C-alpha atoms as a PDB file:
ATOM      1  CA  MET A   1      -7.378  -9.557  18.604  1.00  0.00           C
ATOM      2  CA  ASN A   2      -4.289  -7.476  19.227  1.00  0.00           C
ATOM      3  CA  VAL A   3      -1.889  -7.263  16.282  1.00  0.00           C
ATOM      4  CA  SER A   4       1.868  -6.975  16.689  1.00  0.00           C
ATOM      5  CA  THR A   5       3.293  -3.574  17.600  1.00  0.00           C
ATOM      6  CA  ASN A   6       4.924  -1.202  15.067  1.00  0.00           C
ATOM      7  CA  GLU A   7       8.288  -2.068  16.586  1.00  0.00           C
ATOM      8  CA  GLN A   8       7.763  -5.796  16.054  1.00  0.00           C
ATOM      9  CA  VAL A   9       6.542  -5.333  12.500  1.00  0.00           C
ATOM     10  CA  SER A  10       9.373  -2.945  11.658  1.00  0.00           C
ATOM     11  CA  LYS A  11      11.974  -5.414  12.959  1.00  0.00           C
ATOM     12  CA  MET A  12      10.473  -8.263  10.922  1.00  0.00           C
ATOM     13  CA  TYR A  13      10.745  -6.225   7.717  1.00  0.00           C
ATOM     14  CA  ASP A  14      14.184  -4.883   8.620  1.00  0.00           C
ATOM     15  CA  ASP A  15      15.376  -8.497   8.978  1.00  0.00           C
ATOM     16  CA  ALA A  16      13.694  -9.615   5.748  1.00  0.00           C
ATOM     17  CA  SER A  17      14.491  -6.506   3.682  1.00  0.00           C
ATOM     18  CA  SER A  18      17.187  -8.051   1.492  1.00  0.00           C
ATOM     19  CA  SER A  19      15.212 -11.199   0.640  1.00  0.00           C
ATOM     20  CA  TYR A  20      12.047  -9.127   0.133  1.00  0.00           C
ATOM     21  CA  ASN A  21      13.856  -6.901  -2.298  1.00  0.00           C
ATOM     22  CA  LYS A  22      15.003  -9.874  -4.351  1.00  0.00           C
ATOM     23  CA  MET A  23      11.549 -11.424  -4.239  1.00  0.00           C
ATOM     24  CA  MET A  24      10.022  -8.206  -5.600  1.00  0.00           C
ATOM     25  CA  ASP A  25      12.425  -8.212  -8.547  1.00  0.00           C
ATOM     26  CA  ALA A  26      10.390 -11.151  -9.868  1.00  0.00           C
ATOM     27  CA  GLU A  27       7.038 -10.273  -8.325  1.00  0.00           C
ATOM     28  CA  ILE A  28       6.787  -6.865 -10.005  1.00  0.00           C
ATOM     29  CA  THR A  29       6.757  -8.553 -13.398  1.00  0.00           C
ATOM     30  CA  GLN A  30       3.370 -10.184 -12.624  1.00  0.00           C
ATOM     31  CA  PRO A  31       0.559  -8.834 -14.842  1.00  0.00           C
ATOM     32  CA  VAL A  32      -1.478  -7.536 -11.915  1.00  0.00           C
ATOM     33  CA  TYR A  33       0.989  -4.734 -11.224  1.00  0.00           C
ATOM     34  CA  THR A  34       0.930  -3.476 -14.827  1.00  0.00           C
ATOM     35  CA  GLN A  35      -2.868  -3.679 -14.892  1.00  0.00           C
ATOM     36  CA  VAL A  36      -3.227  -1.757 -11.627  1.00  0.00           C
ATOM     37  CA  MET A  37      -0.753   0.935 -12.681  1.00  0.00           C
ATOM     38  CA  THR A  38      -2.377   1.317 -16.085  1.00  0.00           C
ATOM     39  CA  ARG A  39      -5.801   1.943 -14.531  1.00  0.00           C
ATOM     40  CA  LEU A  40      -4.198   4.363 -12.041  1.00  0.00           C
ATOM     41  CA  PHE A  41      -2.422   6.303 -14.799  1.00  0.00           C
ATOM     42  CA  ASP A  42      -5.677   6.637 -16.741  1.00  0.00           C
ATOM     43  CA  ALA A  43      -7.581   7.783 -13.643  1.00  0.00           C
ATOM     44  CA  LEU A  44      -5.043  10.498 -12.844  1.00  0.00           C
ATOM     45  CA  VAL A  45      -5.318  12.364 -16.145  1.00  0.00           C
ATOM     46  CA  GLY A  46      -5.873  16.059 -15.302  1.00  0.00           C
ATOM     47  CA  LEU A  47      -5.174  15.596 -11.551  1.00  0.00           C
ATOM     48  CA  SER A  48      -2.027  17.079 -10.030  1.00  0.00           C
ATOM     49  CA  GLY A  49      -0.161  16.029  -6.909  1.00  0.00           C
ATOM     50  CA  PRO A  50       2.014  13.106  -5.832  1.00  0.00           C
ATOM     51  CA  ILE A  51       1.366   9.358  -5.725  1.00  0.00           C
ATOM     52  CA  VAL A  52       1.931   8.185  -2.157  1.00  0.00           C
ATOM     53  CA  ASP A  53       2.828   4.546  -1.610  1.00  0.00           C
ATOM     54  CA  THR A  54       2.097   4.070   2.085  1.00  0.00           C
ATOM     55  CA  SER A  55       3.831   0.682   2.352  1.00  0.00           C
ATOM     56  CA  CYS A  56       6.477   1.176  -0.310  1.00  0.00           C
ATOM     57  CA  GLY A  57       8.798  -1.610   0.824  1.00  0.00           C
ATOM     58  CA  SER A  58      11.597  -1.915  -1.702  1.00  0.00           C
ATOM     59  CA  GLY A  59      10.162   0.798  -3.933  1.00  0.00           C
ATOM     60  CA  HIS A  60       9.357  -1.443  -6.873  1.00  0.00           C
ATOM     61  CA  MET A  61       5.805  -0.161  -7.502  1.00  0.00           C
ATOM     62  CA  LEU A  62       6.844   3.489  -7.630  1.00  0.00           C
ATOM     63  CA  ALA A  63       9.827   2.583  -9.784  1.00  0.00           C
ATOM     64  CA  MET A  64       7.501   0.844 -12.229  1.00  0.00           C
ATOM     65  CA  TYR A  65       5.138   3.819 -12.397  1.00  0.00           C
ATOM     66  CA  HIS A  66       8.008   6.243 -13.007  1.00  0.00           C
ATOM     67  CA  ALA A  67       9.651   4.081 -15.670  1.00  0.00           C
ATOM     68  CA  GLN A  68       6.604   2.875 -17.583  1.00  0.00           C
ATOM     69  CA  PHE A  69       3.912   5.535 -17.090  1.00  0.00           C
ATOM     70  CA  ASP A  70       4.917   9.009 -15.972  1.00  0.00           C
ATOM     71  CA  LYS A  71       8.419  10.369 -15.340  1.00  0.00           C
ATOM     72  CA  HIS A  72       7.095  13.720 -14.176  1.00  0.00           C
ATOM     73  CA  ARG A  73       4.567  12.801 -11.481  1.00  0.00           C
ATOM     74  CA  PRO A  74       5.891  13.493  -7.944  1.00  0.00           C
ATOM     75  CA  LEU A  75       6.273  10.266  -5.917  1.00  0.00           C
ATOM     76  CA  ILE A  76       6.430   9.654  -2.165  1.00  0.00           C
ATOM     77  CA  GLY A  77       7.292   6.343  -0.580  1.00  0.00           C
ATOM     78  CA  VAL A  78       6.419   5.629   3.063  1.00  0.00           C
ATOM     79  CA  ASP A  79       7.467   2.574   5.074  1.00  0.00           C
ATOM     80  CA  LEU A  80       7.587   1.609   8.740  1.00  0.00           C
ATOM     81  CA  SER A  81      10.915  -0.227   8.301  1.00  0.00           C
ATOM     82  CA  PRO A  82      14.101   1.847   8.126  1.00  0.00           C
ATOM     83  CA  GLU A  83      15.880  -0.922   6.219  1.00  0.00           C
ATOM     84  CA  MET A  84      13.083  -1.111   3.634  1.00  0.00           C
ATOM     85  CA  ALA A  85      13.108   2.649   3.296  1.00  0.00           C
ATOM     86  CA  ALA A  86      16.851   2.588   2.721  1.00  0.00           C
ATOM     87  CA  ILE A  87      16.472   0.033  -0.080  1.00  0.00           C
ATOM     88  CA  SER A  88      13.650   2.064  -1.550  1.00  0.00           C
ATOM     89  CA  SER A  89      15.801   5.218  -1.406  1.00  0.00           C
ATOM     90  CA  GLN A  90      18.536   3.438  -3.331  1.00  0.00           C
ATOM     91  CA  ARG A  91      16.055   2.434  -6.014  1.00  0.00           C
ATOM     92  CA  ILE A  92      13.919   5.572  -6.392  1.00  0.00           C
ATOM     93  CA  GLY A  93      15.625   8.322  -4.345  1.00  0.00           C
ATOM     94  CA  ALA A  94      16.788  10.173  -7.425  1.00  0.00           C
ATOM     95  CA  TYR A  95      13.216  11.124  -8.330  1.00  0.00           C
ATOM     96  CA  ALA A  96      11.092  10.285  -5.266  1.00  0.00           C
ATOM     97  CA  LYS A  97      10.920  11.232  -1.579  1.00  0.00           C
ATOM     98  CA  VAL A  98      11.125   8.276   0.836  1.00  0.00           C
ATOM     99  CA  LEU A  99      10.006   8.587   4.447  1.00  0.00           C
ATOM    100  CA  VAL A 100      10.045   6.324   7.523  1.00  0.00           C
ATOM    101  CA  CYS A 101       6.704   6.668   9.261  1.00  0.00           C
ATOM    102  CA  ASP A 102       3.394   5.045  10.183  1.00  0.00           C
ATOM    103  CA  MET A 103       1.020   4.896   7.245  1.00  0.00           C
ATOM    104  CA  ARG A 104      -1.769   6.138   9.545  1.00  0.00           C
ATOM    105  CA  GLU A 105       0.122   9.344  10.353  1.00  0.00           C
ATOM    106  CA  LEU A 106       1.138  11.155   7.171  1.00  0.00           C
ATOM    107  CA  ASP A 107       1.711  14.463   8.915  1.00  0.00           C
ATOM    108  CA  VAL A 108       4.248  15.550   6.243  1.00  0.00           C
ATOM    109  CA  LEU A 109       1.384  15.763   3.728  1.00  0.00           C
ATOM    110  CA  GLU A 110      -1.096  18.625   3.640  1.00  0.00           C
ATOM    111  CA  ASP A 111      -4.847  18.127   3.354  1.00  0.00           C
ATOM    112  CA  ASN A 112      -6.125  17.529  -0.208  1.00  0.00           C
ATOM    113  CA  SER A 113      -2.605  17.455  -1.644  1.00  0.00           C
ATOM    114  CA  ALA A 114      -2.116  13.955  -3.129  1.00  0.00           C
ATOM    115  CA  ALA A 115      -3.391  12.539  -6.403  1.00  0.00           C
ATOM    116  CA  ALA A 116      -3.235   8.896  -5.310  1.00  0.00           C
ATOM    117  CA  VAL A 117      -2.561   6.662  -2.311  1.00  0.00           C
ATOM    118  CA  ILE A 118      -1.364   3.075  -2.733  1.00  0.00           C
ATOM    119  CA  SER A 119      -1.366   0.379  -0.041  1.00  0.00           C
ATOM    120  CA  PHE A 120      -0.310  -3.091  -1.107  1.00  0.00           C
ATOM    121  CA  PHE A 121      -0.436  -5.906   1.425  1.00  0.00           C
ATOM    122  CA  ALA A 122       0.122  -3.972   4.634  1.00  0.00           C
ATOM    123  CA  LEU A 123      -3.357  -3.600   6.174  1.00  0.00           C
ATOM    124  CA  HIS A 124      -3.065  -7.044   7.777  1.00  0.00           C
ATOM    125  CA  HIS A 125      -0.696  -5.505  10.278  1.00  0.00           C
ATOM    126  CA  LEU A 126      -3.532  -3.272  11.601  1.00  0.00           C
ATOM    127  CA  ASP A 127      -6.605  -4.117  13.637  1.00  0.00           C
ATOM    128  CA  SER A 128      -9.956  -2.854  12.397  1.00  0.00           C
ATOM    129  CA  LEU A 129      -9.613   0.464  14.217  1.00  0.00           C
ATOM    130  CA  GLY A 130      -6.168   0.915  12.672  1.00  0.00           C
ATOM    131  CA  VAL A 131      -7.524   0.158   9.225  1.00  0.00           C
ATOM    132  CA  GLN A 132     -10.298   2.742   9.772  1.00  0.00           C
ATOM    133  CA  ALA A 133      -7.680   5.304  10.880  1.00  0.00           C
ATOM    134  CA  ALA A 134      -5.577   4.611   7.797  1.00  0.00           C
ATOM    135  CA  PHE A 135      -8.479   5.080   5.398  1.00  0.00           C
ATOM    136  CA  SER A 136      -9.433   8.329   7.169  1.00  0.00           C
ATOM    137  CA  GLU A 137      -5.857   9.637   6.927  1.00  0.00           C
ATOM    138  CA  TRP A 138      -5.611   8.714   3.264  1.00  0.00           C
ATOM    139  CA  HIS A 139      -8.894  10.484   2.602  1.00  0.00           C
ATOM    140  CA  ARG A 140      -7.498  13.597   4.341  1.00  0.00           C
ATOM    141  CA  VAL A 141      -4.372  13.800   2.180  1.00  0.00           C
ATOM    142  CA  LEU A 142      -6.073  12.998  -1.130  1.00  0.00           C
ATOM    143  CA  ALA A 143      -7.465  15.732  -3.352  1.00  0.00           C
ATOM    144  CA  THR A 144     -11.064  15.478  -4.463  1.00  0.00           C
ATOM    145  CA  GLY A 145     -11.102  12.927  -7.257  1.00  0.00           C
ATOM    146  CA  GLY A 146      -7.896  11.390  -5.884  1.00  0.00           C
ATOM    147  CA  GLN A 147      -7.432   7.646  -6.270  1.00  0.00           C
ATOM    148  CA  LEU A 148      -7.072   4.974  -3.606  1.00  0.00           C
ATOM    149  CA  VAL A 149      -5.558   1.629  -4.597  1.00  0.00           C
ATOM    150  CA  VAL A 150      -5.547  -1.130  -1.959  1.00  0.00           C
ATOM    151  CA  ALA A 151      -4.454  -4.760  -1.951  1.00  0.00           C
ATOM    152  CA  ALA A 152      -4.936  -6.971   1.125  1.00  0.00           C
ATOM    153  CA  TRP A 153      -5.044 -10.620   2.096  1.00  0.00           C
ATOM    154  CA  GLU A 154      -8.581 -12.071   2.067  1.00  0.00           C
ATOM    155  CA  GLY A 155      -9.989 -14.240   4.815  1.00  0.00           C
ATOM    156  CA  GLU A 156     -10.897 -14.279   8.528  1.00  0.00           C
ATOM    157  CA  GLY A 157      -8.919 -14.490  11.710  1.00  0.00           C
ATOM    158  CA  ALA A 158      -5.183 -14.477  12.231  1.00  0.00           C
ATOM    159  CA  ILE A 159      -2.598 -15.100   9.519  1.00  0.00           C
ATOM    160  CA  ASP A 160      -0.441 -18.164  10.219  1.00  0.00           C
ATOM    161  CA  TYR A 161       3.214 -17.248   9.597  1.00  0.00           C
ATOM    162  CA  GLY A 162       4.315 -20.659  10.792  1.00  0.00           C
ATOM    163  CA  LYS A 163       7.973 -20.641  11.805  1.00  0.00           C
ATOM    164  CA  SER A 164       8.914 -17.771   9.509  1.00  0.00           C
ATOM    165  CA  ALA A 165       7.886 -14.960  11.893  1.00  0.00           C
ATOM    166  CA  ASP A 166       6.513 -14.434  15.342  1.00  0.00           C
ATOM    167  CA  ILE A 167       3.962 -11.825  14.205  1.00  0.00           C
ATOM    168  CA  VAL A 168       0.215 -11.442  14.799  1.00  0.00           C
ATOM    169  CA  ALA A 169      -1.572 -10.117  11.711  1.00  0.00           C
ATOM    170  CA  LEU A 170      -5.150 -10.324  10.473  1.00  0.00           C
ATOM    171  CA  TYR A 171      -7.016 -11.342   7.353  1.00  0.00           C
ATOM    172  CA  TYR A 172      -9.937  -9.135   6.172  1.00  0.00           C
ATOM    173  CA  ARG A 173     -12.981 -10.011   4.092  1.00  0.00           C
ATOM    174  CA  LEU A 174     -13.729  -8.020   0.988  1.00  0.00           C
ATOM    175  CA  ASP A 175     -17.049  -6.763   2.370  1.00  0.00           C
ATOM    176  CA  GLU A 176     -15.327  -5.544   5.583  1.00  0.00           C
ATOM    177  CA  LEU A 177     -12.782  -3.448   3.677  1.00  0.00           C
ATOM    178  CA  VAL A 178     -15.315  -2.125   1.169  1.00  0.00           C
ATOM    179  CA  ASP A 179     -17.496  -0.981   4.058  1.00  0.00           C
ATOM    180  CA  LEU A 180     -14.588   0.795   5.768  1.00  0.00           C
ATOM    181  CA  VAL A 181     -13.483   2.436   2.514  1.00  0.00           C
ATOM    182  CA  LYS A 182     -17.018   3.783   1.941  1.00  0.00           C
ATOM    183  CA  LYS A 183     -17.322   5.010   5.519  1.00  0.00           C
ATOM    184  CA  ALA A 184     -14.097   6.977   5.038  1.00  0.00           C
ATOM    185  CA  GLY A 185     -15.686   8.919   2.183  1.00  0.00           C
ATOM    186  CA  PHE A 186     -14.701   7.052  -0.973  1.00  0.00           C
ATOM    187  CA  ASP A 187     -16.690   5.744  -3.920  1.00  0.00           C
ATOM    188  CA  ILE A 188     -15.663   2.224  -4.926  1.00  0.00           C
ATOM    189  CA  THR A 189     -14.737   1.813  -8.582  1.00  0.00           C
ATOM    190  CA  ARG A 190     -13.430  -1.713  -8.454  1.00  0.00           C
ATOM    191  CA  SER A 191     -13.463  -4.474  -5.787  1.00  0.00           C
ATOM    192  CA  VAL A 192     -12.464  -8.081  -6.482  1.00  0.00           C
ATOM    193  CA  VAL A 193     -10.930 -11.136  -4.893  1.00  0.00           C
ATOM    194  CA  GLU A 194      -8.344 -12.967  -6.990  1.00  0.00           C
ATOM    195  CA  ALA A 195      -6.076 -15.972  -6.502  1.00  0.00           C
ATOM    196  CA  VAL A 196      -2.340 -15.334  -6.134  1.00  0.00           C
ATOM    197  CA  ASP A 197       0.115 -17.720  -7.773  1.00  0.00           C
ATOM    198  CA  ASP A 198       2.124 -19.804  -5.313  1.00  0.00           C
ATOM    199  CA  MET A 199       0.263 -18.395  -2.288  1.00  0.00           C
ATOM    200  CA  PRO A 200      -2.187 -20.240  -0.021  1.00  0.00           C
ATOM    201  CA  MET A 201      -4.473 -17.216   0.256  1.00  0.00           C
ATOM    202  CA  ASP A 202      -6.395 -14.937  -2.097  1.00  0.00           C
ATOM    203  CA  ALA A 203      -5.927 -11.218  -2.517  1.00  0.00           C
ATOM    204  CA  ILE A 204      -8.429  -8.373  -2.276  1.00  0.00           C
ATOM    205  CA  TYR A 205      -8.009  -5.497  -4.739  1.00  0.00           C
ATOM    206  CA  ILE A 206      -9.955  -2.279  -4.176  1.00  0.00           C
ATOM    207  CA  GLU A 207      -9.835   0.897  -6.204  1.00  0.00           C
ATOM    208  CA  ALA A 208     -11.774   3.958  -5.062  1.00  0.00           C
ATOM    209  CA  THR A 209     -12.193   7.704  -5.637  1.00  0.00           C
ATOM    210  CA  LYS A 210     -12.310  10.424  -2.982  1.00  0.00           C
ATOM    211  CA  VAL A 211     -15.643  12.291  -3.223  1.00  0.00           C
END
């Protein structure tokens, strides 16, 4: 199944950027974010390099990490949507670099240069070949021992946006993503499916180490 183009996805998030930003003000207080960031902070002890959020949206996750865990770690936010990147720049631009680009093409980053790569709820906009390309690119930019943290929507087939958006996106099963992460050269350290409050679908959470 063909997913929507970058241009279509970017426009959707451009149009929704203000409401998304407000939604994340409340969402970031959910325990899962603190738990994920705590494990990431612990895993990065002794490892230099930036944390790269490849679907940074409004910048809330990087802002949380900077405020609550490490004010000295370099941070890079990447988003396909110029409007999202602008909001992220307003929030974290004083201490982080924010870029508009495809998460599969992080040409600005050198090989083996990053300590961590984060991708929260963006892989559904890619087909399986795109997901494979993203994992390969993230493996390239991560240093040995670098951390990969992924969240995705769990299921099969196309996501039904109803009347809210004319976008084609895909669910993935946990076993599918775990297999692709391993094929890209990572060791899985955590892989679970958990319910999400007020959402009709479950979430996949994967944490992995570059070997």
